[in-house]
PDB file of all heavy atoms in Angstrom:
ATOM      1  N   GLN A   1       5.825   1.447  -3.425  1.00  0.00           N
ATOM      2  CA  GLN A   1       6.006   0.207  -4.181  1.00  0.00           C
ATOM      3  C   GLN A   1       6.726  -0.843  -3.337  1.00  0.00           C
ATOM      4  O   GLN A   1       6.386  -2.028  -3.390  1.00  0.00           O
ATOM      5  CB  GLN A   1       6.785   0.496  -5.470  1.00  0.00           C
ATOM      6  CG  GLN A   1       5.967   1.304  -6.472  1.00  0.00           C
ATOM      7  CD  GLN A   1       6.803   1.827  -7.634  1.00  0.00           C
ATOM      8  OE1 GLN A   1       8.018   1.990  -7.508  1.00  0.00           O
ATOM      9  NE2 GLN A   1       6.166   2.083  -8.752  1.00  0.00           N
ATOM     10  N   GLU A   2       7.703  -0.409  -2.558  1.00  0.00           N
ATOM     11  CA  GLU A   2       8.408  -1.337  -1.681  1.00  0.00           C
ATOM     12  C   GLU A   2       7.516  -1.785  -0.522  1.00  0.00           C
ATOM     13  O   GLU A   2       7.492  -2.954  -0.156  1.00  0.00           O
ATOM     14  CB  GLU A   2       9.684  -0.680  -1.140  1.00  0.00           C
ATOM     15  CG  GLU A   2      10.748  -0.434  -2.189  1.00  0.00           C
ATOM     16  CD  GLU A   2      11.188  -1.717  -2.872  1.00  0.00           C
ATOM     17  OE1 GLU A   2      11.404  -2.728  -2.174  1.00  0.00           O
ATOM     18  OE2 GLU A   2      11.295  -1.719  -4.118  1.00  0.00           O
ATOM     19  N   MET A   3       6.807  -0.839   0.072  1.00  0.00           N
ATOM     20  CA  MET A   3       5.933  -1.160   1.193  1.00  0.00           C
ATOM     21  C   MET A   3       4.867  -2.184   0.794  1.00  0.00           C
ATOM     22  O   MET A   3       4.514  -3.084   1.557  1.00  0.00           O
ATOM     23  CB  MET A   3       5.240   0.107   1.696  1.00  0.00           C
ATOM     24  CG  MET A   3       4.306  -0.120   2.882  1.00  0.00           C
ATOM     25  SD  MET A   3       2.959   1.079   2.953  1.00  0.00           S
ATOM     26  CE  MET A   3       2.003   0.625   1.511  1.00  0.00           C
ATOM     27  N   ALA A   4       4.330  -2.049  -0.423  1.00  0.00           N
ATOM     28  CA  ALA A   4       3.257  -2.921  -0.891  1.00  0.00           C
ATOM     29  C   ALA A   4       3.691  -4.381  -1.005  1.00  0.00           C
ATOM     30  O   ALA A   4       2.858  -5.277  -1.100  1.00  0.00           O
ATOM     31  CB  ALA A   4       2.745  -2.433  -2.246  1.00  0.00           C
ATOM     32  N   LYS A   5       5.011  -4.618  -0.960  1.00  0.00           N
ATOM     33  CA  LYS A   5       5.533  -5.985  -1.063  1.00  0.00           C
ATOM     34  C   LYS A   5       5.835  -6.589   0.309  1.00  0.00           C
ATOM     35  O   LYS A   5       6.138  -7.772   0.417  1.00  0.00           O
ATOM     36  CB  LYS A   5       6.823  -5.993  -1.888  1.00  0.00           C
ATOM     37  CG  LYS A   5       6.676  -5.444  -3.302  1.00  0.00           C
ATOM     38  CD  LYS A   5       8.045  -5.338  -3.968  1.00  0.00           C
ATOM     39  CE  LYS A   5       7.950  -4.656  -5.331  1.00  0.00           C
ATOM     40  NZ  LYS A   5       9.304  -4.483  -5.942  1.00  0.00           N
ATOM     41  N   SER A   6       5.763  -5.779   1.348  1.00  0.00           N
ATOM     42  CA  SER A   6       6.189  -6.209   2.680  1.00  0.00           C
ATOM     43  C   SER A   6       5.169  -7.113   3.366  1.00  0.00           C
ATOM     44  O   SER A   6       3.968  -6.842   3.353  1.00  0.00           O
ATOM     45  CB  SER A   6       6.456  -4.986   3.567  1.00  0.00           C
ATOM     46  OG  SER A   6       6.748  -5.385   4.891  1.00  0.00           O
ATOM     47  N   ARG A   7       5.672  -8.154   4.006  1.00  0.00           N
ATOM     48  CA  ARG A   7       4.800  -9.040   4.775  1.00  0.00           C
ATOM     49  C   ARG A   7       4.360  -8.402   6.087  1.00  0.00           C
ATOM     50  O   ARG A   7       3.413  -8.868   6.727  1.00  0.00           O
ATOM     51  CB  ARG A   7       5.543 -10.347   5.082  1.00  0.00           C
ATOM     52  CG  ARG A   7       5.881 -11.170   3.842  1.00  0.00           C
ATOM     53  CD  ARG A   7       6.610 -12.434   4.240  1.00  0.00           C
ATOM     54  NE  ARG A   7       6.955 -13.245   3.071  1.00  0.00           N
ATOM     55  CZ  ARG A   7       7.621 -14.397   3.132  1.00  0.00           C
ATOM     56  NH1 ARG A   7       8.016 -14.870   4.319  1.00  0.00           N
ATOM     57  NH2 ARG A   7       7.904 -15.075   2.034  1.00  0.00           N
ATOM     58  N   SER A   8       5.020  -7.337   6.471  1.00  0.00           N
ATOM     59  CA  SER A   8       4.722  -6.688   7.755  1.00  0.00           C
ATOM     60  C   SER A   8       3.368  -5.978   7.764  1.00  0.00           C
ATOM     61  O   SER A   8       2.904  -5.552   8.821  1.00  0.00           O
ATOM     62  CB  SER A   8       5.818  -5.678   8.100  1.00  0.00           C
ATOM     63  OG  SER A   8       7.069  -6.309   8.195  1.00  0.00           O
ATOM     64  N   ILE A   9       2.758  -5.815   6.599  1.00  0.00           N
ATOM     65  CA  ILE A   9       1.506  -5.055   6.541  1.00  0.00           C
ATOM     66  C   ILE A   9       0.285  -5.964   6.411  1.00  0.00           C
ATOM     67  O   ILE A   9      -0.833  -5.487   6.175  1.00  0.00           O
ATOM     68  CB  ILE A   9       1.522  -4.049   5.373  1.00  0.00           C
ATOM     69  CG1 ILE A   9       1.651  -4.781   4.029  1.00  0.00           C
ATOM     70  CG2 ILE A   9       2.648  -3.042   5.539  1.00  0.00           C
ATOM     71  CD1 ILE A   9       1.524  -3.865   2.823  1.00  0.00           C
ATOM     72  N   LYS A  10       0.463  -7.256   6.590  1.00  0.00           N
ATOM     73  CA  LYS A  10      -0.639  -8.186   6.335  1.00  0.00           C
ATOM     74  C   LYS A  10      -1.814  -8.008   7.293  1.00  0.00           C
ATOM     75  O   LYS A  10      -2.948  -8.366   6.965  1.00  0.00           O
ATOM     76  CB  LYS A  10      -0.137  -9.622   6.395  1.00  0.00           C
ATOM     77  CG  LYS A  10       0.427 -10.038   7.748  1.00  0.00           C
ATOM     78  CD  LYS A  10       0.946 -11.458   7.693  1.00  0.00           C
ATOM     79  CE  LYS A  10       1.519 -11.877   9.054  1.00  0.00           C
ATOM     80  NZ  LYS A  10       2.044 -13.274   9.002  1.00  0.00           N
ATOM     81  N   GLN A  11      -1.552  -7.447   8.501  1.00  0.00           N
ATOM     82  CA  GLN A  11      -2.636  -7.247   9.464  1.00  0.00           C
ATOM     83  C   GLN A  11      -3.262  -5.863   9.385  1.00  0.00           C
ATOM     84  O   GLN A  11      -4.200  -5.550  10.123  1.00  0.00           O
ATOM     85  CB  GLN A  11      -2.137  -7.497  10.894  1.00  0.00           C
ATOM     86  CG  GLN A  11      -1.232  -6.392  11.459  1.00  0.00           C
ATOM     87  CD  GLN A  11       0.226  -6.643  11.158  1.00  0.00           C
ATOM     88  OE1 GLN A  11       0.580  -6.995  10.039  1.00  0.00           O
ATOM     89  NE2 GLN A  11       1.082  -6.455  12.164  1.00  0.00           N
ATOM     90  N   VAL A  12      -2.786  -5.009   8.486  1.00  0.00           N
ATOM     91  CA  VAL A  12      -3.253  -3.627   8.407  1.00  0.00           C
ATOM     92  C   VAL A  12      -4.716  -3.541   7.966  1.00  0.00           C
ATOM     93  O   VAL A  12      -5.135  -4.167   6.986  1.00  0.00           O
ATOM     94  CB  VAL A  12      -2.374  -2.812   7.430  1.00  0.00           C
ATOM     95  CG1 VAL A  12      -2.999  -1.448   7.144  1.00  0.00           C
ATOM     96  CG2 VAL A  12      -0.985  -2.641   8.001  1.00  0.00           C
ATOM     97  N   ARG A  13      -5.489  -2.745   8.713  1.00  0.00           N
ATOM     98  CA  ARG A  13      -6.890  -2.474   8.369  1.00  0.00           C
ATOM     99  C   ARG A  13      -7.091  -1.024   7.933  1.00  0.00           C
ATOM    100  O   ARG A  13      -8.032  -0.722   7.217  1.00  0.00           O
ATOM    101  CB  ARG A  13      -7.801  -2.783   9.560  1.00  0.00           C
ATOM    102  CG  ARG A  13      -7.847  -4.261   9.936  1.00  0.00           C
ATOM    103  CD  ARG A  13      -8.777  -4.499  11.101  1.00  0.00           C
ATOM    104  NE  ARG A  13      -8.781  -5.897  11.492  1.00  0.00           N
ATOM    105  CZ  ARG A  13      -9.562  -6.832  10.940  1.00  0.00           C
ATOM    106  NH1 ARG A  13     -10.412  -6.502   9.990  1.00  0.00           N
ATOM    107  NH2 ARG A  13      -9.503  -8.085  11.361  1.00  0.00           N
ATOM    108  N   ARG A  14      -6.212  -0.141   8.420  1.00  0.00           N
ATOM    109  CA  ARG A  14      -6.337   1.287   8.104  1.00  0.00           C
ATOM    110  C   ARG A  14      -4.985   1.821   7.650  1.00  0.00           C
ATOM    111  O   ARG A  14      -4.005   1.751   8.399  1.00  0.00           O
ATOM    112  CB  ARG A  14      -6.832   2.055   9.339  1.00  0.00           C
ATOM    113  CG  ARG A  14      -8.250   1.687   9.762  1.00  0.00           C
ATOM    114  CD  ARG A  14      -8.593   2.194  11.146  1.00  0.00           C
ATOM    115  NE  ARG A  14      -7.859   1.458  12.171  1.00  0.00           N
ATOM    116  CZ  ARG A  14      -8.245   0.285  12.681  1.00  0.00           C
ATOM    117  NH1 ARG A  14      -9.365  -0.285  12.257  1.00  0.00           N
ATOM    118  NH2 ARG A  14      -7.534  -0.326  13.620  1.00  0.00           N
ATOM    119  N   LEU A  15      -4.934   2.374   6.440  1.00  0.00           N
ATOM    120  CA  LEU A  15      -3.687   2.884   5.871  1.00  0.00           C
ATOM    121  C   LEU A  15      -3.847   4.355   5.494  1.00  0.00           C
ATOM    122  O   LEU A  15      -4.768   4.725   4.763  1.00  0.00           O
ATOM    123  CB  LEU A  15      -3.301   2.066   4.635  1.00  0.00           C
ATOM    124  CG  LEU A  15      -2.066   2.547   3.853  1.00  0.00           C
ATOM    125  CD1 LEU A  15      -0.821   2.495   4.733  1.00  0.00           C
ATOM    126  CD2 LEU A  15      -1.872   1.704   2.592  1.00  0.00           C
ATOM    127  N   THR A  16      -2.938   5.197   5.983  1.00  0.00           N
ATOM    128  CA  THR A  16      -2.959   6.632   5.703  1.00  0.00           C
ATOM    129  C   THR A  16      -1.610   7.080   5.142  1.00  0.00           C
ATOM    130  O   THR A  16      -0.574   6.886   5.781  1.00  0.00           O
ATOM    131  CB  THR A  16      -3.257   7.443   6.983  1.00  0.00           C
ATOM    132  OG1 THR A  16      -4.548   7.103   7.476  1.00  0.00           O
ATOM    133  CG2 THR A  16      -3.205   8.940   6.694  1.00  0.00           C
ATOM    134  N   ILE A  17      -1.645   7.662   3.935  1.00  0.00           N
ATOM    135  CA  ILE A  17      -0.438   8.257   3.335  1.00  0.00           C
ATOM    136  C   ILE A  17      -0.867   9.600   2.739  1.00  0.00           C
ATOM    137  O   ILE A  17      -1.322   9.674   1.602  1.00  0.00           O
ATOM    138  CB  ILE A  17       0.177   7.366   2.242  1.00  0.00           C
ATOM    139  CG1 ILE A  17       0.298   5.911   2.704  1.00  0.00           C
ATOM    140  CG2 ILE A  17       1.545   7.900   1.845  1.00  0.00           C
ATOM    141  CD1 ILE A  17       0.817   4.968   1.631  1.00  0.00           C
ATOM    142  N   ASN A  18      -0.745  10.658   3.501  1.00  0.00           N
ATOM    143  CA  ASN A  18      -1.227  11.971   3.083  1.00  0.00           C
ATOM    144  C   ASN A  18      -0.089  12.895   2.641  1.00  0.00           C
ATOM    145  O   ASN A  18       1.018  12.847   3.177  1.00  0.00           O
ATOM    146  CB  ASN A  18      -1.967  12.661   4.234  1.00  0.00           C
ATOM    147  CG  ASN A  18      -3.260  11.965   4.581  1.00  0.00           C
ATOM    148  OD1 ASN A  18      -3.840  11.265   3.762  1.00  0.00           O
ATOM    149  ND2 ASN A  18      -3.731  12.163   5.804  1.00  0.00           N
ATOM    150  N   GLY A  19      -0.389  13.738   1.655  1.00  0.00           N
ATOM    151  CA  GLY A  19       0.492  14.844   1.296  1.00  0.00           C
ATOM    152  C   GLY A  19       1.871  14.464   0.821  1.00  0.00           C
ATOM    153  O   GLY A  19       2.849  15.175   1.092  1.00  0.00           O
ATOM    154  N   LYS A  20       2.005  13.383   0.082  1.00  0.00           N
ATOM    155  CA  LYS A  20       3.325  12.947  -0.385  1.00  0.00           C
ATOM    156  C   LYS A  20       3.501  13.096  -1.896  1.00  0.00           C
ATOM    157  O   LYS A  20       4.470  12.606  -2.463  1.00  0.00           O
ATOM    158  CB  LYS A  20       3.552  11.470  -0.002  1.00  0.00           C
ATOM    159  CG  LYS A  20       3.303  11.158   1.459  1.00  0.00           C
ATOM    160  CD  LYS A  20       4.145  12.010   2.380  1.00  0.00           C
ATOM    161  CE  LYS A  20       3.844  11.704   3.837  1.00  0.00           C
ATOM    162  NZ  LYS A  20       4.493  12.639   4.756  1.00  0.00           N
ATOM    163  N   LYS A  21       2.534  13.718  -2.548  1.00  0.00           N
ATOM    164  CA  LYS A  21       2.570  13.898  -4.005  1.00  0.00           C
ATOM    165  C   LYS A  21       2.660  12.565  -4.745  1.00  0.00           C
ATOM    166  O   LYS A  21       3.297  12.450  -5.789  1.00  0.00           O
ATOM    167  CB  LYS A  21       3.742  14.808  -4.410  1.00  0.00           C
ATOM    168  CG  LYS A  21       3.647  16.213  -3.830  1.00  0.00           C
ATOM    169  CD  LYS A  21       4.794  17.085  -4.289  1.00  0.00           C
ATOM    170  CE  LYS A  21       4.682  18.496  -3.692  1.00  0.00           C
ATOM    171  NZ  LYS A  21       5.796  19.369  -4.108  1.00  0.00           N
ATOM    172  N   LEU A  22       2.033  11.568  -4.169  1.00  0.00           N
ATOM    173  CA  LEU A  22       2.023  10.247  -4.792  1.00  0.00           C
ATOM    174  C   LEU A  22       1.246  10.292  -6.093  1.00  0.00           C
ATOM    175  O   LEU A  22       0.242  10.998  -6.219  1.00  0.00           O
ATOM    176  CB  LEU A  22       1.390   9.221  -3.847  1.00  0.00           C
ATOM    177  CG  LEU A  22       2.031   9.081  -2.464  1.00  0.00           C
ATOM    178  CD1 LEU A  22       1.290   8.025  -1.653  1.00  0.00           C
ATOM    179  CD2 LEU A  22       3.512   8.734  -2.581  1.00  0.00           C
ATOM    180  N   THR A  23       1.686   9.533  -7.068  1.00  0.00           N
ATOM    181  CA  THR A  23       1.047   9.508  -8.383  1.00  0.00           C
ATOM    182  C   THR A  23       0.302   8.188  -8.579  1.00  0.00           C
ATOM    183  O   THR A  23       0.151   7.383  -7.655  1.00  0.00           O
ATOM    184  CB  THR A  23       2.099   9.664  -9.498  1.00  0.00           C
ATOM    185  OG1 THR A  23       2.898   8.470  -9.553  1.00  0.00           O
ATOM    186  CG2 THR A  23       2.985  10.873  -9.242  1.00  0.00           C
ATOM    187  N   ALA A  24      -0.135   7.962  -9.803  1.00  0.00           N
ATOM    188  CA  ALA A  24      -0.847   6.731 -10.141  1.00  0.00           C
ATOM    189  C   ALA A  24       0.017   5.494  -9.911  1.00  0.00           C
ATOM    190  O   ALA A  24      -0.504   4.388  -9.736  1.00  0.00           O
ATOM    191  CB  ALA A  24      -1.307   6.784 -11.592  1.00  0.00           C
ATOM    192  N   LEU A  25       1.341   5.669  -9.898  1.00  0.00           N
ATOM    193  CA  LEU A  25       2.239   4.537  -9.641  1.00  0.00           C
ATOM    194  C   LEU A  25       1.994   3.951  -8.256  1.00  0.00           C
ATOM    195  O   LEU A  25       1.993   2.724  -8.073  1.00  0.00           O
ATOM    196  CB  LEU A  25       3.699   4.983  -9.772  1.00  0.00           C
ATOM    197  CG  LEU A  25       4.174   5.386 -11.179  1.00  0.00           C
ATOM    198  CD1 LEU A  25       5.599   5.930 -11.111  1.00  0.00           C
ATOM    199  CD2 LEU A  25       4.108   4.188 -12.121  1.00  0.00           C
ATOM    200  N   SER A  26       1.780   4.814  -7.283  1.00  0.00           N
ATOM    201  CA  SER A  26       1.500   4.343  -5.927  1.00  0.00           C
ATOM    202  C   SER A  26       0.149   3.656  -5.860  1.00  0.00           C
ATOM    203  O   SER A  26      -0.009   2.609  -5.213  1.00  0.00           O
ATOM    204  CB  SER A  26       1.537   5.520  -4.948  1.00  0.00           C
ATOM    205  OG  SER A  26       2.851   5.993  -4.756  1.00  0.00           O
ATOM    206  N   ALA A  27      -0.837   4.256  -6.519  1.00  0.00           N
ATOM    207  CA  ALA A  27      -2.165   3.648  -6.532  1.00  0.00           C
ATOM    208  C   ALA A  27      -2.108   2.256  -7.155  1.00  0.00           C
ATOM    209  O   ALA A  27      -2.751   1.310  -6.679  1.00  0.00           O
ATOM    210  CB  ALA A  27      -3.133   4.537  -7.308  1.00  0.00           C
ATOM    211  N   ARG A  28      -1.326   2.123  -8.202  1.00  0.00           N
ATOM    212  CA  ARG A  28      -1.189   0.820  -8.870  1.00  0.00           C
ATOM    213  C   ARG A  28      -0.516  -0.196  -7.954  1.00  0.00           C
ATOM    214  O   ARG A  28      -0.942  -1.362  -7.870  1.00  0.00           O
ATOM    215  CB  ARG A  28      -0.383   0.971 -10.156  1.00  0.00           C
ATOM    216  CG  ARG A  28      -0.232  -0.331 -10.926  1.00  0.00           C
ATOM    217  CD  ARG A  28       0.494  -0.114 -12.242  1.00  0.00           C
ATOM    218  NE  ARG A  28       0.593  -1.367 -12.996  1.00  0.00           N
ATOM    219  CZ  ARG A  28       1.124  -1.465 -14.201  1.00  0.00           C
ATOM    220  NH1 ARG A  28       1.602  -0.374 -14.800  1.00  0.00           N
ATOM    221  NH2 ARG A  28       1.182  -2.630 -14.810  1.00  0.00           N
ATOM    222  N   ALA A  29       0.528   0.240  -7.243  1.00  0.00           N
ATOM    223  CA  ALA A  29       1.235  -0.665  -6.330  1.00  0.00           C
ATOM    224  C   ALA A  29       0.310  -1.167  -5.233  1.00  0.00           C
ATOM    225  O   ALA A  29       0.308  -2.357  -4.891  1.00  0.00           O
ATOM    226  CB  ALA A  29       2.440   0.052  -5.722  1.00  0.00           C
ATOM    227  N   LEU A  30      -0.512  -0.277  -4.689  1.00  0.00           N
ATOM    228  CA  LEU A  30      -1.466  -0.673  -3.650  1.00  0.00           C
ATOM    229  C   LEU A  30      -2.544  -1.594  -4.215  1.00  0.00           C
ATOM    230  O   LEU A  30      -2.934  -2.583  -3.587  1.00  0.00           O
ATOM    231  CB  LEU A  30      -2.112   0.572  -3.039  1.00  0.00           C
ATOM    232  CG  LEU A  30      -1.185   1.512  -2.263  1.00  0.00           C
ATOM    233  CD1 LEU A  30      -1.924   2.790  -1.868  1.00  0.00           C
ATOM    234  CD2 LEU A  30      -0.626   0.820  -1.020  1.00  0.00           C
ATOM    235  N   ALA A  31      -3.016  -1.249  -5.412  1.00  0.00           N
ATOM    236  CA  ALA A  31      -4.090  -2.026  -6.035  1.00  0.00           C
ATOM    237  C   ALA A  31      -3.660  -3.447  -6.372  1.00  0.00           C
ATOM    238  O   ALA A  31      -4.479  -4.375  -6.364  1.00  0.00           O
ATOM    239  CB  ALA A  31      -4.577  -1.317  -7.295  1.00  0.00           C
ATOM    240  N   GLU A  32      -2.371  -3.625  -6.654  1.00  0.00           N
ATOM    241  CA  GLU A  32      -1.865  -4.944  -7.051  1.00  0.00           C
ATOM    242  C   GLU A  32      -1.303  -5.733  -5.879  1.00  0.00           C
ATOM    243  O   GLU A  32      -0.976  -6.921  -6.027  1.00  0.00           O
ATOM    244  CB  GLU A  32      -0.796  -4.776  -8.131  1.00  0.00           C
ATOM    245  CG  GLU A  32      -1.345  -4.210  -9.438  1.00  0.00           C
ATOM    246  CD  GLU A  32      -0.265  -3.998 -10.488  1.00  0.00           C
ATOM    247  OE1 GLU A  32       0.942  -4.121 -10.129  1.00  0.00           O
ATOM    248  OE2 GLU A  32      -0.607  -3.714 -11.660  1.00  0.00           O
ATOM    249  N   SER A  33      -1.180  -5.108  -4.724  1.00  0.00           N
ATOM    250  CA  SER A  33      -0.617  -5.789  -3.559  1.00  0.00           C
ATOM    251  C   SER A  33      -1.597  -6.803  -2.980  1.00  0.00           C
ATOM    252  O   SER A  33      -2.788  -6.521  -2.829  1.00  0.00           O
ATOM    253  CB  SER A  33      -0.251  -4.766  -2.479  1.00  0.00           C
ATOM    254  OG  SER A  33       0.156  -5.421  -1.293  1.00  0.00           O
ATOM    255  N   ASP A  34      -1.080  -7.977  -2.639  1.00  0.00           N
ATOM    256  CA  ASP A  34      -1.907  -8.989  -1.988  1.00  0.00           C
ATOM    257  C   ASP A  34      -1.562  -9.106  -0.508  1.00  0.00           C
ATOM    258  O   ASP A  34      -1.881 -10.102   0.148  1.00  0.00           O
ATOM    259  CB  ASP A  34      -1.735 -10.350  -2.677  1.00  0.00           C
ATOM    260  CG  ASP A  34      -0.289 -10.826  -2.669  1.00  0.00           C
ATOM    261  OD1 ASP A  34       0.583 -10.087  -2.151  1.00  0.00           O
ATOM    262  OD2 ASP A  34      -0.027 -11.929  -3.170  1.00  0.00           O
ATOM    263  N   LYS A  35      -0.909  -8.059   0.021  1.00  0.00           N
ATOM    264  CA  LYS A  35      -0.450  -8.086   1.408  1.00  0.00           C
ATOM    265  C   LYS A  35      -1.437  -7.450   2.389  1.00  0.00           C
ATOM    266  O   LYS A  35      -1.203  -7.477   3.598  1.00  0.00           O
ATOM    267  CB  LYS A  35       0.899  -7.358   1.528  1.00  0.00           C
ATOM    268  CG  LYS A  35       1.982  -7.868   0.594  1.00  0.00           C
ATOM    269  CD  LYS A  35       2.284  -9.340   0.813  1.00  0.00           C
ATOM    270  CE  LYS A  35       3.430  -9.794  -0.093  1.00  0.00           C
ATOM    271  NZ  LYS A  35       3.693 -11.252   0.028  1.00  0.00           N
ATOM    272  N   MET A  36      -2.525  -6.864   1.899  1.00  0.00           N
ATOM    273  CA  MET A  36      -3.473  -6.193   2.798  1.00  0.00           C
ATOM    274  C   MET A  36      -4.909  -6.674   2.548  1.00  0.00           C
ATOM    275  O   MET A  36      -5.799  -5.883   2.235  1.00  0.00           O
ATOM    276  CB  MET A  36      -3.392  -4.678   2.611  1.00  0.00           C
ATOM    277  CG  MET A  36      -2.047  -4.070   2.986  1.00  0.00           C
ATOM    278  SD  MET A  36      -1.992  -2.276   2.764  1.00  0.00           S
ATOM    279  CE  MET A  36      -1.931  -2.195   0.961  1.00  0.00           C
ATOM    280  N   PRO A  37      -5.177  -7.947   2.719  1.00  0.00           N
ATOM    281  CA  PRO A  37      -6.521  -8.476   2.432  1.00  0.00           C
ATOM    282  C   PRO A  37      -7.593  -7.970   3.388  1.00  0.00           C
ATOM    283  O   PRO A  37      -8.784  -8.045   3.078  1.00  0.00           O
ATOM    284  CB  PRO A  37      -6.329  -9.982   2.571  1.00  0.00           C
ATOM    285  CG  PRO A  37      -5.200 -10.124   3.542  1.00  0.00           C
ATOM    286  CD  PRO A  37      -4.268  -8.999   3.214  1.00  0.00           C
ATOM    287  N   ASN A  38      -7.167  -7.457   4.550  1.00  0.00           N
ATOM    288  CA  ASN A  38      -8.129  -6.994   5.554  1.00  0.00           C
ATOM    289  C   ASN A  38      -8.321  -5.480   5.564  1.00  0.00           C
ATOM    290  O   ASN A  38      -8.981  -4.942   6.459  1.00  0.00           O
ATOM    291  CB  ASN A  38      -7.687  -7.450   6.948  1.00  0.00           C
ATOM    292  CG  ASN A  38      -7.620  -8.961   7.065  1.00  0.00           C
ATOM    293  OD1 ASN A  38      -8.523  -9.664   6.631  1.00  0.00           O
ATOM    294  ND2 ASN A  38      -6.530  -9.462   7.646  1.00  0.00           N
TER     295      ASN A  38
END
């Protein structure tokens, strides 16, 4: 949720977050983030 707000990820094209037991909360944070248009 914090990462999804960061301006540092605006150039990211490939994102990998494996094996962290992330729930729908993480999916929602990524889905609502406007920091990764590419």
